């Protein structure tokens, strides 16, 4: 019961006041199966891309973190070919940093920051991490190419296949400050994945 009421509040906030560049909605009538989209940040190799994510909310949420993965392929040292994300906020302590005071909005904002600032010292993809550390120019070229091939926004404004679930454009264009201070988001993004 706690999960349903909390998710309802979180989804309401995400639809009326989404963080900049992020949208999130439930699929059909299932409150535990969400979709999100993150716009690639300006000045990053992901600029111009729209990245779709799948969010599975466990029965024990908020005492367990949501399971989040990228549906859109992305060339990134902390995200593998299956879309799994190496991020501390997605794991329980002692190895992770998830706590019930975090929410889906905070985690999506933190993932958006991880896209802009990869953590090559704790990779899921060792080869991409090595490239990021020692040949950043090549990494940027490949990441841009992947973004163009897999995440480039069409003129429709929506990713193919997500049209029926795309949130109201007015709601997704509203801007607001993140609910959690940026310092917390930066701290989560910099932690390592064990």
N, C-alpha and C. Protein backbone atom coordinates (compact mmCIF):
# COMPACT_ATOMS: atom_id res chain seq x y z
N UNK A 1 0.82 -1.20 0.00
CA UNK A 1 0.00 0.00 0.00
C UNK A 1 0.87 1.26 0.00
N UNK A 2 1.96 1.23 0.79
CA UNK A 2 2.85 2.39 0.84
C UNK A 2 3.46 2.66 -0.53
N UNK A 3 3.81 1.58 -1.24
CA UNK A 3 4.41 1.74 -2.57
C UNK A 3 3.44 2.46 -3.50
N UNK A 4 2.20 2.03 -3.53
CA UNK A 4 1.21 2.61 -4.45
C UNK A 4 0.98 4.09 -4.17
N UNK A 5 0.80 4.46 -2.91
CA UNK A 5 0.54 5.87 -2.60
C UNK A 5 1.77 6.74 -2.88
N UNK A 6 2.94 6.22 -2.55
CA UNK A 6 4.15 7.00 -2.80
C UNK A 6 4.38 7.16 -4.30
N UNK A 7 4.22 6.07 -5.07
CA UNK A 7 4.41 6.15 -6.52
C UNK A 7 3.42 7.10 -7.16
N UNK A 8 2.20 7.09 -6.67
CA UNK A 8 1.19 7.99 -7.21
C UNK A 8 1.62 9.44 -7.02
N UNK A 9 2.13 9.76 -5.83
CA UNK A 9 2.62 11.12 -5.55
C UNK A 9 3.83 11.46 -6.44
N UNK A 10 4.75 10.51 -6.54
CA UNK A 10 5.95 10.76 -7.35
C UNK A 10 5.60 10.97 -8.82
N UNK A 11 4.70 10.14 -9.35
CA UNK A 11 4.31 10.28 -10.76
C UNK A 11 3.57 11.59 -11.00
N UNK A 12 2.76 12.00 -10.04
CA UNK A 12 2.06 13.28 -10.15
C UNK A 12 3.07 14.42 -10.24
N UNK A 13 4.07 14.38 -9.35
CA UNK A 13 5.10 15.43 -9.36
C UNK A 13 5.91 15.38 -10.66
N UNK A 14 6.25 14.18 -11.11
CA UNK A 14 7.03 14.04 -12.35
C UNK A 14 6.25 14.53 -13.57
N UNK A 15 4.92 14.43 -13.54
CA UNK A 15 4.14 14.88 -14.70
C UNK A 15 3.88 16.38 -14.65
N UNK A 16 3.76 16.95 -13.46
CA UNK A 16 3.47 18.39 -13.38
C UNK A 16 4.72 19.24 -13.29
N UNK A 17 5.78 18.72 -12.64
CA UNK A 17 7.02 19.48 -12.47
C UNK A 17 8.24 18.59 -12.71
N UNK A 18 8.43 18.12 -13.94
CA UNK A 18 9.57 17.22 -14.19
C UNK A 18 10.91 17.96 -14.11
N UNK A 19 11.96 17.24 -13.71
CA UNK A 19 13.29 17.86 -13.76
C UNK A 19 13.62 18.20 -15.22
N UNK A 20 14.41 19.23 -15.47
CA UNK A 20 14.75 19.60 -16.85
C UNK A 20 15.34 18.43 -17.64
N UNK A 21 14.79 18.17 -18.81
CA UNK A 21 15.30 17.12 -19.70
C UNK A 21 14.88 15.72 -19.33
N UNK A 22 13.94 15.56 -18.40
CA UNK A 22 13.51 14.23 -17.95
C UNK A 22 11.98 14.15 -17.97
N UNK A 23 11.47 13.02 -18.47
CA UNK A 23 10.04 12.74 -18.35
C UNK A 23 9.88 11.30 -17.90
N UNK A 24 8.78 11.02 -17.20
CA UNK A 24 8.54 9.69 -16.67
C UNK A 24 7.04 9.46 -16.59
N UNK A 25 6.59 8.25 -16.92
CA UNK A 25 5.18 7.92 -16.89
C UNK A 25 5.00 6.43 -16.69
N UNK A 26 3.79 6.02 -16.30
CA UNK A 26 3.53 4.60 -16.13
C UNK A 26 3.01 4.02 -17.43
N UNK A 27 3.27 2.73 -17.64
CA UNK A 27 2.79 2.06 -18.84
C UNK A 27 1.44 1.44 -18.53
N UNK A 28 0.49 1.70 -19.39
CA UNK A 28 -0.87 1.19 -19.23
C UNK A 28 -1.36 1.43 -17.81
N UNK A 29 -1.87 0.41 -17.15
CA UNK A 29 -2.41 0.58 -15.80
C UNK A 29 -1.47 0.05 -14.72
N UNK A 30 -0.28 -0.37 -15.08
CA UNK A 30 0.66 -0.95 -14.12
C UNK A 30 1.51 0.13 -13.49
N UNK A 31 1.33 0.31 -12.20
CA UNK A 31 2.09 1.35 -11.49
C UNK A 31 3.53 0.92 -11.21
N UNK A 32 3.82 -0.37 -11.32
CA UNK A 32 5.18 -0.85 -11.05
C UNK A 32 6.04 -0.93 -12.30
N UNK A 33 5.49 -0.58 -13.46
CA UNK A 33 6.21 -0.63 -14.73
C UNK A 33 6.17 0.76 -15.35
N UNK A 34 7.29 1.47 -15.24
CA UNK A 34 7.36 2.85 -15.72
C UNK A 34 8.31 2.97 -16.89
N UNK A 35 8.17 4.05 -17.62
CA UNK A 35 9.10 4.42 -18.68
C UNK A 35 9.56 5.84 -18.41
N UNK A 36 10.77 6.12 -18.83
CA UNK A 36 11.32 7.47 -18.68
C UNK A 36 12.10 7.81 -19.95
N UNK A 37 12.28 9.09 -20.16
CA UNK A 37 13.13 9.57 -21.23
C UNK A 37 14.03 10.66 -20.67
N UNK A 38 15.28 10.58 -21.08
CA UNK A 38 16.27 11.59 -20.68
C UNK A 38 16.84 12.20 -21.96
N UNK A 39 16.84 13.52 -22.01
CA UNK A 39 17.42 14.23 -23.14
C UNK A 39 18.92 14.34 -22.91
N UNK A 40 19.71 14.00 -23.93
CA UNK A 40 21.17 14.11 -23.82
C UNK A 40 21.58 15.55 -23.56
N UNK A 41 22.49 15.73 -22.62
CA UNK A 41 22.89 17.07 -22.19
C UNK A 41 23.65 17.86 -23.24
N UNK A 42 23.45 19.16 -23.24
CA UNK A 42 24.17 20.07 -24.14
C UNK A 42 25.66 20.00 -23.83
N UNK A 43 26.46 19.92 -24.88
CA UNK A 43 27.91 19.88 -24.70
C UNK A 43 28.45 18.49 -24.38
N UNK A 44 27.59 17.48 -24.40
CA UNK A 44 28.02 16.09 -24.18
C UNK A 44 27.91 15.34 -25.50
N UNK A 45 28.52 14.16 -25.59
CA UNK A 45 28.39 13.38 -26.82
C UNK A 45 26.95 12.89 -27.05
N UNK A 46 26.10 13.04 -26.03
CA UNK A 46 24.71 12.56 -26.12
C UNK A 46 23.74 13.67 -26.50
N UNK A 47 24.28 14.87 -26.76
CA UNK A 47 23.45 16.00 -27.16
C UNK A 47 22.65 15.65 -28.41
N UNK A 48 21.39 16.02 -28.42
CA UNK A 48 20.52 15.73 -29.57
C UNK A 48 19.88 14.36 -29.48
N UNK A 49 20.20 13.61 -28.44
CA UNK A 49 19.62 12.27 -28.28
C UNK A 49 18.50 12.26 -27.25
N UNK A 50 17.57 11.35 -27.46
CA UNK A 50 16.49 11.13 -26.51
C UNK A 50 16.59 9.67 -26.11
N UNK A 51 16.91 9.41 -24.84
CA UNK A 51 17.19 8.07 -24.35
C UNK A 51 16.03 7.54 -23.52
N UNK A 52 15.52 6.39 -23.90
CA UNK A 52 14.41 5.77 -23.18
C UNK A 52 14.94 4.80 -22.14
N UNK A 53 14.26 4.77 -20.99
CA UNK A 53 14.63 3.88 -19.89
C UNK A 53 13.41 3.12 -19.40
N UNK A 54 13.67 1.93 -18.88
CA UNK A 54 12.63 1.11 -18.27
C UNK A 54 12.86 1.15 -16.77
N UNK A 55 11.77 1.32 -16.02
CA UNK A 55 11.86 1.37 -14.55
C UNK A 55 10.91 0.32 -13.99
N UNK A 56 11.46 -0.63 -13.27
CA UNK A 56 10.65 -1.65 -12.59
C UNK A 56 10.70 -1.32 -11.09
N UNK A 57 9.54 -1.14 -10.52
CA UNK A 57 9.45 -0.75 -9.12
C UNK A 57 9.15 -2.00 -8.28
N UNK A 58 10.07 -2.35 -7.37
CA UNK A 58 9.88 -3.57 -6.58
C UNK A 58 8.76 -3.43 -5.56
N UNK A 59 8.27 -4.55 -5.10
CA UNK A 59 7.20 -4.60 -4.11
C UNK A 59 7.56 -3.83 -2.85
N UNK A 60 8.83 -3.86 -2.45
CA UNK A 60 9.27 -3.22 -1.19
C UNK A 60 9.70 -1.76 -1.36
N UNK A 61 9.46 -1.15 -2.52
CA UNK A 61 9.77 0.26 -2.72
C UNK A 61 8.99 1.09 -1.71
N UNK A 62 9.56 2.04 -1.06
CA UNK A 62 10.86 2.69 -1.25
C UNK A 62 12.00 2.10 -0.42
N UNK A 63 11.79 0.95 0.20
CA UNK A 63 12.86 0.35 1.00
C UNK A 63 13.86 -0.41 0.13
N UNK A 64 13.51 -0.66 -1.13
CA UNK A 64 14.43 -1.20 -2.14
C UNK A 64 14.44 -0.23 -3.30
N UNK A 65 15.56 -0.10 -3.99
CA UNK A 65 15.63 0.84 -5.11
C UNK A 65 14.89 0.31 -6.34
N UNK A 66 14.46 1.20 -7.21
CA UNK A 66 13.87 0.75 -8.47
C UNK A 66 14.95 0.12 -9.35
N UNK A 67 14.55 -0.78 -10.23
CA UNK A 67 15.47 -1.38 -11.19
C UNK A 67 15.32 -0.57 -12.49
N UNK A 68 16.39 0.07 -12.90
CA UNK A 68 16.35 0.96 -14.07
C UNK A 68 17.37 0.50 -15.08
N UNK A 69 16.96 0.47 -16.35
CA UNK A 69 17.91 0.16 -17.42
C UNK A 69 17.57 0.98 -18.66
N UNK A 70 18.59 1.24 -19.46
CA UNK A 70 18.40 1.95 -20.71
C UNK A 70 17.80 1.01 -21.75
N UNK A 71 16.78 1.47 -22.45
CA UNK A 71 16.23 0.73 -23.58
C UNK A 71 16.93 1.18 -24.87
N UNK A 72 17.34 2.43 -24.89
CA UNK A 72 18.07 2.99 -26.03
C UNK A 72 19.54 2.64 -25.86
N UNK A 73 20.18 2.04 -26.89
CA UNK A 73 21.62 1.77 -26.78
C UNK A 73 22.40 3.07 -26.56
N UNK A 74 23.39 3.00 -25.68
CA UNK A 74 24.20 4.18 -25.36
C UNK A 74 25.65 3.73 -25.16
N UNK A 75 26.57 4.49 -25.70
CA UNK A 75 28.00 4.20 -25.59
C UNK A 75 28.54 4.92 -24.37
N UNK A 76 28.71 4.18 -23.28
CA UNK A 76 29.05 4.80 -21.99
C UNK A 76 29.78 3.78 -21.12
N UNK A 77 30.81 4.19 -20.39
CA UNK A 77 31.57 3.23 -19.59
C UNK A 77 30.80 2.62 -18.42
N UNK A 78 29.75 3.29 -17.96
CA UNK A 78 29.00 2.80 -16.80
C UNK A 78 27.66 2.17 -17.15
N UNK A 79 27.43 1.94 -18.46
CA UNK A 79 26.18 1.35 -18.94
C UNK A 79 26.55 0.25 -19.93
N UNK A 80 26.07 -0.98 -19.66
CA UNK A 80 26.46 -2.09 -20.53
C UNK A 80 25.53 -2.25 -21.73
N UNK A 81 25.82 -3.25 -22.56
CA UNK A 81 25.06 -3.47 -23.79
C UNK A 81 23.61 -3.87 -23.55
N UNK A 82 23.29 -4.33 -22.33
CA UNK A 82 21.91 -4.67 -21.98
C UNK A 82 21.17 -3.47 -21.40
N UNK A 83 21.88 -2.36 -21.23
CA UNK A 83 21.28 -1.16 -20.68
C UNK A 83 21.38 -1.05 -19.17
N UNK A 84 22.03 -2.06 -18.55
CA UNK A 84 22.20 -2.01 -17.08
C UNK A 84 23.13 -0.85 -16.72
N UNK A 85 22.83 -0.23 -15.57
CA UNK A 85 23.54 0.97 -15.15
C UNK A 85 24.32 0.68 -13.87
N UNK A 86 25.59 1.01 -13.88
CA UNK A 86 26.40 0.91 -12.67
C UNK A 86 26.30 2.24 -11.96
N UNK A 87 25.46 2.27 -10.95
CA UNK A 87 25.22 3.51 -10.21
C UNK A 87 24.87 3.17 -8.77
N UNK A 88 25.55 3.83 -7.86
CA UNK A 88 25.39 3.57 -6.44
C UNK A 88 23.95 3.73 -5.94
N UNK A 89 23.23 4.69 -6.49
CA UNK A 89 21.87 4.96 -6.03
C UNK A 89 20.89 3.85 -6.41
N UNK A 90 21.33 2.92 -7.23
CA UNK A 90 20.46 1.81 -7.63
C UNK A 90 20.71 0.54 -6.84
N UNK A 91 21.55 0.65 -5.79
CA UNK A 91 21.87 -0.52 -4.96
C UNK A 91 21.69 -0.19 -3.49
N UNK A 92 21.33 -1.22 -2.72
CA UNK A 92 21.19 -1.08 -1.27
C UNK A 92 22.56 -1.03 -0.60
N UNK A 93 22.65 -0.39 0.57
CA UNK A 93 23.89 -0.45 1.36
C UNK A 93 24.16 -1.89 1.77
N UNK A 94 25.35 -2.31 2.03
CA UNK A 94 26.54 -1.49 2.19
C UNK A 94 27.23 -1.14 0.88
N UNK A 95 26.94 -1.84 -0.20
CA UNK A 95 27.62 -1.54 -1.47
C UNK A 95 27.02 -0.35 -2.19
N UNK A 96 25.77 -0.05 -1.90
CA UNK A 96 25.09 1.03 -2.59
C UNK A 96 24.71 2.18 -1.68
N UNK A 97 24.03 3.16 -2.28
CA UNK A 97 23.66 4.36 -1.53
C UNK A 97 22.16 4.60 -1.49
N UNK A 98 21.37 3.61 -1.93
CA UNK A 98 19.92 3.80 -1.93
C UNK A 98 19.42 3.97 -0.50
N UNK A 99 18.50 4.91 -0.33
CA UNK A 99 17.80 5.07 0.94
C UNK A 99 16.38 5.52 0.61
N UNK A 100 15.43 5.20 1.46
CA UNK A 100 14.02 5.51 1.18
C UNK A 100 13.73 6.99 0.95
N UNK A 101 14.60 7.87 1.40
CA UNK A 101 14.38 9.30 1.17
C UNK A 101 14.64 9.70 -0.28
N UNK A 102 15.34 8.85 -1.04
CA UNK A 102 15.53 9.11 -2.47
C UNK A 102 14.24 8.78 -3.20
N UNK A 103 14.11 9.28 -4.41
CA UNK A 103 12.92 8.96 -5.20
C UNK A 103 13.31 8.78 -6.67
N UNK A 104 12.35 8.44 -7.48
CA UNK A 104 12.63 8.17 -8.89
C UNK A 104 13.16 9.42 -9.60
N UNK A 105 12.61 10.56 -9.29
CA UNK A 105 13.07 11.82 -9.88
C UNK A 105 14.55 12.06 -9.57
N UNK A 106 14.93 11.86 -8.32
CA UNK A 106 16.32 12.05 -7.90
C UNK A 106 17.25 11.09 -8.63
N UNK A 107 16.83 9.83 -8.72
CA UNK A 107 17.66 8.82 -9.38
C UNK A 107 17.80 9.13 -10.87
N UNK A 108 16.71 9.53 -11.53
CA UNK A 108 16.79 9.88 -12.95
C UNK A 108 17.70 11.10 -13.16
N UNK A 109 17.62 12.07 -12.27
CA UNK A 109 18.50 13.24 -12.36
C UNK A 109 19.96 12.82 -12.18
N UNK A 110 20.17 11.89 -11.28
CA UNK A 110 21.52 11.39 -11.03
C UNK A 110 22.06 10.61 -12.24
N UNK A 111 21.18 9.86 -12.90
CA UNK A 111 21.58 9.14 -14.12
C UNK A 111 21.89 10.14 -15.23
N UNK A 112 21.12 11.20 -15.31
CA UNK A 112 21.37 12.25 -16.30
C UNK A 112 22.76 12.86 -16.07
N UNK A 113 23.11 13.07 -14.81
CA UNK A 113 24.44 13.59 -14.47
C UNK A 113 25.53 12.57 -14.81
N UNK A 114 25.28 11.29 -14.56
CA UNK A 114 26.24 10.25 -14.90
C UNK A 114 26.50 10.22 -16.41
N UNK A 115 25.45 10.49 -17.21
CA UNK A 115 25.63 10.57 -18.67
C UNK A 115 26.61 11.69 -19.01
N UNK A 116 26.49 12.81 -18.33
CA UNK A 116 27.35 13.97 -18.61
C UNK A 116 28.75 13.80 -18.02
N UNK A 117 28.83 13.06 -16.90
CA UNK A 117 30.11 12.88 -16.21
C UNK A 117 30.33 11.41 -15.88
N UNK A 118 30.77 10.62 -16.87
CA UNK A 118 31.00 9.19 -16.61
C UNK A 118 32.03 8.97 -15.50
N UNK A 119 31.94 7.81 -14.87
CA UNK A 119 32.89 7.42 -13.83
C UNK A 119 33.75 6.28 -14.39
N UNK A 120 34.87 6.59 -15.06
CA UNK A 120 35.68 5.56 -15.69
C UNK A 120 36.44 4.67 -14.70
N UNK A 121 36.49 5.08 -13.44
CA UNK A 121 37.22 4.29 -12.45
C UNK A 121 36.41 3.12 -11.93
N UNK A 122 35.14 3.06 -12.26
CA UNK A 122 34.29 1.96 -11.83
C UNK A 122 33.34 1.58 -12.97
N UNK A 123 33.90 1.01 -14.03
CA UNK A 123 33.10 0.78 -15.24
C UNK A 123 32.35 -0.55 -15.24
N UNK A 124 31.34 -0.59 -16.09
CA UNK A 124 30.71 -1.86 -16.47
C UNK A 124 31.34 -2.32 -17.78
N UNK A 125 31.81 -1.37 -18.56
CA UNK A 125 32.41 -1.65 -19.85
C UNK A 125 33.88 -1.20 -19.81
N UNK A 126 34.77 -2.14 -19.51
CA UNK A 126 36.19 -1.82 -19.32
C UNK A 126 36.83 -1.20 -20.56
N UNK A 127 36.48 -1.70 -21.74
CA UNK A 127 37.08 -1.18 -22.97
C UNK A 127 36.66 0.28 -23.22
N UNK A 128 35.40 0.60 -22.96
CA UNK A 128 34.92 1.97 -23.14
C UNK A 128 35.55 2.88 -22.08
N UNK A 129 35.72 2.36 -20.89
CA UNK A 129 36.35 3.13 -19.82
C UNK A 129 37.79 3.47 -20.17
N UNK A 130 38.50 2.49 -20.68
CA UNK A 130 39.89 2.70 -21.08
C UNK A 130 39.97 3.76 -22.19
N UNK A 131 39.06 3.67 -23.14
CA UNK A 131 38.99 4.64 -24.21
C UNK A 131 38.72 6.04 -23.64
N UNK A 132 37.77 6.13 -22.70
CA UNK A 132 37.42 7.41 -22.08
C UNK A 132 38.64 8.02 -21.38
N UNK A 133 39.41 7.17 -20.68
CA UNK A 133 40.58 7.66 -19.94
C UNK A 133 41.74 8.03 -20.84
N UNK A 134 42.04 7.20 -21.84
CA UNK A 134 43.29 7.34 -22.59
C UNK A 134 43.14 7.85 -24.02
N UNK A 135 41.92 7.85 -24.55
CA UNK A 135 41.70 8.34 -25.90
C UNK A 135 40.31 8.98 -25.95
N UNK A 136 40.16 10.07 -25.21
CA UNK A 136 38.84 10.69 -25.05
C UNK A 136 38.23 11.13 -26.38
N UNK A 137 39.07 11.58 -27.30
CA UNK A 137 38.58 12.01 -28.62
C UNK A 137 37.84 10.86 -29.32
N UNK A 138 38.42 9.67 -29.30
CA UNK A 138 37.79 8.50 -29.92
C UNK A 138 36.49 8.14 -29.19
N UNK A 139 36.53 8.20 -27.85
CA UNK A 139 35.32 7.93 -27.06
C UNK A 139 34.20 8.88 -27.47
N UNK A 140 34.49 10.17 -27.54
CA UNK A 140 33.49 11.18 -27.88
C UNK A 140 32.93 10.92 -29.28
N UNK A 141 33.81 10.59 -30.24
CA UNK A 141 33.36 10.30 -31.61
C UNK A 141 32.41 9.11 -31.64
N UNK A 142 32.78 8.03 -30.94
CA UNK A 142 31.93 6.83 -30.92
C UNK A 142 30.61 7.09 -30.20
N UNK A 143 30.67 7.80 -29.08
CA UNK A 143 29.44 8.11 -28.33
C UNK A 143 28.49 8.97 -29.16
N UNK A 144 29.04 9.93 -29.89
CA UNK A 144 28.21 10.77 -30.78
C UNK A 144 27.58 9.94 -31.89
N UNK A 145 28.40 9.03 -32.46
CA UNK A 145 27.90 8.18 -33.54
C UNK A 145 26.74 7.31 -33.04
N UNK A 146 26.91 6.70 -31.86
CA UNK A 146 25.85 5.86 -31.28
C UNK A 146 24.60 6.70 -31.02
N UNK A 147 24.81 7.91 -30.53
CA UNK A 147 23.68 8.79 -30.26
C UNK A 147 22.92 9.08 -31.55
N UNK A 148 23.66 9.39 -32.62
CA UNK A 148 23.01 9.66 -33.91
C UNK A 148 22.27 8.43 -34.45
N UNK A 149 22.89 7.27 -34.30
CA UNK A 149 22.29 6.04 -34.82
C UNK A 149 21.09 5.55 -34.00
N UNK A 150 21.16 5.69 -32.69
CA UNK A 150 20.16 5.06 -31.83
C UNK A 150 19.22 6.01 -31.09
N UNK A 151 19.65 7.27 -30.88
CA UNK A 151 18.86 8.14 -30.01
C UNK A 151 18.49 9.48 -30.63
N UNK A 152 18.90 9.72 -31.88
CA UNK A 152 18.61 11.02 -32.49
C UNK A 152 17.11 11.23 -32.55
N UNK A 153 16.68 12.41 -32.10
CA UNK A 153 15.26 12.74 -32.09
C UNK A 153 14.78 12.99 -33.51
N UNK A 154 13.65 12.43 -33.82
CA UNK A 154 13.00 12.68 -35.10
C UNK A 154 12.18 13.97 -34.95
N UNK A 155 11.66 14.47 -36.03
CA UNK A 155 10.85 15.68 -35.98
C UNK A 155 9.52 15.47 -35.27
N UNK A 156 9.15 14.20 -35.01
CA UNK A 156 7.89 13.92 -34.33
C UNK A 156 7.95 14.31 -32.87
N UNK A 157 9.16 14.40 -32.30
CA UNK A 157 9.30 14.77 -30.91
C UNK A 157 9.16 13.60 -29.95
N UNK A 158 8.92 12.41 -30.46
CA UNK A 158 8.77 11.23 -29.61
C UNK A 158 9.56 10.08 -30.19
N UNK A 159 10.03 9.21 -29.34
CA UNK A 159 10.74 8.03 -29.79
C UNK A 159 9.71 7.07 -30.36
N UNK A 160 10.02 6.46 -31.50
CA UNK A 160 9.11 5.49 -32.09
C UNK A 160 8.76 4.40 -31.09
N UNK A 161 7.51 3.98 -31.08
CA UNK A 161 7.08 2.90 -30.21
C UNK A 161 6.63 3.38 -28.85
N UNK A 162 6.90 4.64 -28.52
CA UNK A 162 6.50 5.16 -27.21
C UNK A 162 5.38 6.18 -27.33
N UNK A 163 4.84 6.37 -28.51
CA UNK A 163 3.86 7.43 -28.73
C UNK A 163 2.65 7.31 -27.82
N UNK A 164 2.11 6.12 -27.68
CA UNK A 164 0.91 5.99 -26.86
C UNK A 164 1.17 6.27 -25.39
N UNK A 165 2.43 6.23 -24.98
CA UNK A 165 2.76 6.46 -23.58
C UNK A 165 3.51 7.77 -23.35
N UNK A 166 3.68 8.57 -24.40
CA UNK A 166 4.42 9.81 -24.24
C UNK A 166 3.62 10.78 -23.39
N UNK A 167 4.25 11.37 -22.38
CA UNK A 167 3.51 12.30 -21.52
C UNK A 167 3.12 13.56 -22.27
N UNK A 168 2.16 14.24 -21.75
CA UNK A 168 1.70 15.49 -22.33
C UNK A 168 2.88 16.43 -22.55
N UNK A 169 2.99 16.97 -23.75
CA UNK A 169 4.14 17.80 -24.09
C UNK A 169 4.25 19.03 -23.20
N UNK A 170 3.12 19.62 -22.81
CA UNK A 170 3.17 20.78 -21.93
C UNK A 170 3.84 20.42 -20.61
N UNK A 171 3.42 19.29 -20.05
CA UNK A 171 3.97 18.88 -18.76
C UNK A 171 5.46 18.61 -18.86
N UNK A 172 5.89 17.96 -19.95
CA UNK A 172 7.30 17.61 -20.05
C UNK A 172 8.18 18.81 -20.39
N UNK A 173 7.57 19.91 -20.82
CA UNK A 173 8.40 21.08 -21.14
C UNK A 173 8.57 22.01 -19.95
N UNK A 174 7.82 21.80 -18.89
CA UNK A 174 7.98 22.63 -17.69
C UNK A 174 9.32 22.36 -17.03
N UNK A 175 9.86 23.38 -16.44
CA UNK A 175 11.17 23.25 -15.79
C UNK A 175 11.03 23.48 -14.30
N UNK A 176 11.89 22.84 -13.52
CA UNK A 176 11.93 23.10 -12.09
C UNK A 176 13.27 22.66 -11.56
N UNK A 177 13.58 23.11 -10.39
CA UNK A 177 14.78 22.67 -9.71
C UNK A 177 14.54 21.26 -9.19
N UNK A 178 15.57 20.47 -9.12
CA UNK A 178 15.43 19.12 -8.56
C UNK A 178 14.99 19.22 -7.11
N UNK A 179 14.20 18.23 -6.68
CA UNK A 179 13.69 18.21 -5.31
C UNK A 179 14.84 18.06 -4.32
N UNK A 180 15.86 17.33 -4.72
CA UNK A 180 17.00 17.09 -3.87
C UNK A 180 18.12 18.04 -4.29
N UNK A 181 18.85 18.60 -3.35
CA UNK A 181 19.93 19.52 -3.71
C UNK A 181 20.93 18.88 -4.69
N UNK A 182 21.44 19.71 -5.59
CA UNK A 182 22.39 19.22 -6.59
C UNK A 182 23.59 18.54 -5.95
N UNK A 183 24.00 18.98 -4.77
CA UNK A 183 25.15 18.37 -4.09
C UNK A 183 24.91 16.88 -3.85
N UNK A 184 23.69 16.50 -3.48
CA UNK A 184 23.36 15.10 -3.23
C UNK A 184 23.42 14.32 -4.54
N UNK A 185 22.89 14.90 -5.61
CA UNK A 185 22.91 14.24 -6.91
C UNK A 185 24.35 14.03 -7.37
N UNK A 186 25.20 15.06 -7.23
CA UNK A 186 26.61 14.94 -7.62
C UNK A 186 27.31 13.87 -6.78
N UNK A 187 27.02 13.84 -5.49
CA UNK A 187 27.63 12.87 -4.60
C UNK A 187 27.27 11.44 -5.02
N UNK A 188 26.01 11.22 -5.36
CA UNK A 188 25.57 9.88 -5.79
C UNK A 188 26.26 9.47 -7.09
N UNK A 189 26.40 10.42 -8.01
CA UNK A 189 26.99 10.11 -9.31
C UNK A 189 28.46 9.76 -9.19
N UNK A 190 29.16 10.29 -8.20
CA UNK A 190 30.58 10.07 -8.08
C UNK A 190 30.95 8.79 -7.32
N UNK A 191 30.00 8.19 -6.63
CA UNK A 191 30.32 6.97 -5.88
C UNK A 191 30.64 5.84 -6.84
N UNK A 192 31.37 4.87 -6.34
CA UNK A 192 31.78 3.78 -7.20
C UNK A 192 30.83 2.61 -7.14
N UNK A 193 30.90 1.80 -8.16
CA UNK A 193 30.07 0.60 -8.28
C UNK A 193 30.91 -0.60 -7.89
N UNK A 194 30.48 -1.37 -6.90
CA UNK A 194 31.26 -2.50 -6.41
C UNK A 194 30.70 -3.81 -6.90
